[in-house]
Amino acid sequence: MYQLSYKEPPQALKGRILAQVALLEARAARVRFFISSTVSLIALSTLVPTWNAVGFELSQTGFFEYGNLLASDSQSVLLHWQEFSLSLIDALPLASITLLLIVTLILLSAVGFASKYARVALSHHPQFA
C-alpha cells in the first residue's frame, strides 16, 4: 500500500501562511465587531420608542387603574378574582410587550457578540495594519 509521508513546509512559507491566517481572522473579527456594534446601536435606538409605546398603551388600556382598584377595594377583587385576572390580562398590550422583549433580546445578544469580538478587533498588532 502507498503511504503518504508528511513533510514540514519551509519555515518562511509556514510563517507567511500563519501570518495570513492571523490577518484574515483579525479582519473577520473586525467585520463581526462592526456589524454587532451597528446592530447594538440600532436596537438601543429603538428600545426607547418601544418602551414609550408600551407605557402609552398601558395607560390607554387602563392597566394602571387595576392597581388602584386592588389597593382601594381588595375585598371585592378577592371575591371576583377570576374576572379581575381576566380583565387584567385583557388590558395588557401583548404585541407591544412582545416587541419590547424582542428588541431587548436583540440588544443583549448584539452587545454580547460585540464584546466577544472587541478584543481581537480593537487590538493594534503591527502585522494586522
Protein backbone atom coordinates (compact mmCIF):
# COMPACT_ATOMS: atom_id res chain seq x y z
CA MET A 1 0.00 0.00 0.00
CA TYR A 2 1.09 3.54 -0.66
CA GLN A 3 1.64 5.59 2.47
CA LEU A 4 1.65 9.39 2.47
CA SER A 5 4.52 11.00 4.22
CA TYR A 6 4.16 14.31 5.96
CA LYS A 7 6.73 16.91 5.15
CA GLU A 8 7.15 20.05 7.19
CA PRO A 9 6.89 23.17 4.98
CA PRO A 10 9.83 25.57 4.90
CA GLN A 11 9.93 27.94 7.86
CA ALA A 12 9.44 31.07 5.71
CA LEU A 13 6.38 29.61 3.98
CA LYS A 14 4.94 28.42 7.27
CA GLY A 15 5.41 31.89 8.78
CA ARG A 16 3.71 33.59 5.83
CA ILE A 17 0.79 31.16 5.95
CA LEU A 18 0.29 31.66 9.69
CA ALA A 19 0.56 35.44 9.31
CA GLN A 20 -2.05 35.39 6.54
CA VAL A 21 -4.40 33.23 8.63
CA ALA A 22 -3.99 35.62 11.58
CA LEU A 23 -4.66 38.59 9.30
CA LEU A 24 -7.84 37.02 7.94
CA GLU A 25 -9.04 36.10 11.43
CA ALA A 26 -8.47 39.67 12.63
CA ARG A 27 -10.26 41.07 9.59
CA ALA A 28 -13.23 38.75 10.18
CA ALA A 29 -13.32 39.79 13.85
CA ARG A 30 -13.33 43.47 12.86
CA VAL A 31 -16.23 42.90 10.45
CA ARG A 32 -18.18 40.94 13.08
CA PHE A 33 -17.46 43.63 15.66
CA PHE A 34 -18.64 46.38 13.30
CA ILE A 35 -21.84 44.51 12.41
CA SER A 36 -22.69 43.64 16.01
CA SER A 37 -21.93 47.20 17.15
CA THR A 38 -24.20 48.59 14.45
CA VAL A 39 -26.99 46.21 15.41
CA SER A 40 -26.48 47.20 19.06
CA LEU A 41 -26.85 50.89 18.23
CA ILE A 42 -29.96 50.26 16.14
CA ALA A 43 -31.53 48.13 18.88
CA LEU A 44 -30.65 50.72 21.50
CA SER A 45 -32.20 53.50 19.43
CA THR A 46 -35.43 51.51 19.01
CA LEU A 47 -35.58 50.48 22.67
CA VAL A 48 -36.66 53.92 23.95
CA PRO A 49 -39.58 54.39 21.50
CA THR A 50 -40.69 50.82 22.12
CA TRP A 51 -40.59 51.39 25.88
CA ASN A 52 -42.62 54.60 25.43
CA ALA A 53 -45.16 52.75 23.27
CA VAL A 54 -45.63 50.09 25.96
CA GLY A 55 -46.14 52.76 28.62
CA PHE A 56 -48.58 54.66 26.42
CA GLU A 57 -50.61 51.55 25.62
CA LEU A 58 -50.65 50.52 29.28
CA SER A 59 -52.12 53.89 30.20
CA GLN A 60 -54.57 53.81 27.26
CA THR A 61 -55.97 50.41 28.23
CA GLY A 62 -56.37 51.45 31.86
CA PHE A 63 -53.94 48.83 33.12
CA PHE A 64 -52.73 51.07 35.93
CA GLU A 65 -56.30 51.58 37.16
CA TYR A 66 -56.37 47.91 38.14
CA GLY A 67 -53.62 48.59 40.66
CA ASN A 68 -55.68 51.41 42.14
CA LEU A 69 -58.68 49.10 42.31
CA LEU A 70 -56.63 46.42 44.02
CA ALA A 71 -55.34 48.91 46.60
CA SER A 72 -58.69 50.55 47.28
CA ASP A 73 -61.12 47.61 47.18
CA SER A 74 -59.15 44.44 47.74
CA GLN A 75 -62.11 42.57 49.25
CA SER A 76 -64.11 42.95 46.05
CA VAL A 77 -61.11 42.00 43.95
CA LEU A 78 -60.53 38.86 46.02
CA LEU A 79 -64.21 37.98 45.78
CA HIS A 80 -64.16 38.28 41.98
CA TRP A 81 -60.54 37.29 41.40
CA GLN A 82 -61.21 35.33 38.19
CA GLU A 83 -62.95 38.22 36.46
CA PHE A 84 -60.31 40.61 37.77
CA SER A 85 -57.43 38.50 36.46
CA LEU A 86 -59.08 38.05 33.04
CA SER A 87 -59.67 41.80 32.80
CA LEU A 88 -56.09 42.42 33.83
CA ILE A 89 -54.79 40.08 31.14
CA ASP A 90 -57.13 41.66 28.60
CA ALA A 91 -55.72 45.11 29.40
CA LEU A 92 -52.13 44.05 28.68
CA PRO A 93 -50.75 45.29 25.35
CA LEU A 94 -49.17 41.95 24.44
CA ALA A 95 -47.96 43.00 20.98
CA SER A 96 -46.01 45.96 22.37
CA ILE A 97 -44.62 43.94 25.26
CA THR A 98 -43.53 41.21 22.84
CA LEU A 99 -41.85 43.79 20.62
CA LEU A 100 -40.09 45.27 23.65
CA LEU A 101 -38.80 41.85 24.68
CA ILE A 102 -37.59 41.10 21.14
CA VAL A 103 -35.72 44.42 20.90
CA THR A 104 -34.19 43.83 24.34
CA LEU A 105 -33.08 40.33 23.37
CA ILE A 106 -31.54 41.62 20.13
CA LEU A 107 -29.74 44.36 22.05
CA LEU A 108 -28.32 41.99 24.65
CA SER A 109 -27.24 39.46 22.01
CA ALA A 110 -25.57 42.10 19.85
CA VAL A 111 -23.74 43.60 22.84
CA GLY A 112 -22.56 40.12 23.79
CA PHE A 113 -21.23 39.46 20.29
CA ALA A 114 -19.60 42.91 20.14
CA SER A 115 -17.80 42.32 23.42
CA LYS A 116 -16.71 38.87 22.22
CA TYR A 117 -15.05 40.28 19.10
CA ALA A 118 -13.88 43.59 20.58
CA ARG A 119 -10.60 42.25 21.97
CA VAL A 120 -9.41 40.96 18.62
CA ALA A 121 -10.95 43.74 16.53
CA LEU A 122 -9.56 46.60 18.58
CA SER A 123 -6.07 45.23 19.17
CA HIS A 124 -3.33 47.02 17.27
CA HIS A 125 -0.85 44.47 16.02
CA PRO A 126 1.71 45.74 13.52
CA GLN A 127 1.23 42.74 11.24
CA PHE A 128 -2.53 43.43 11.01
CA ALA A 129 -2.28 47.04 9.92
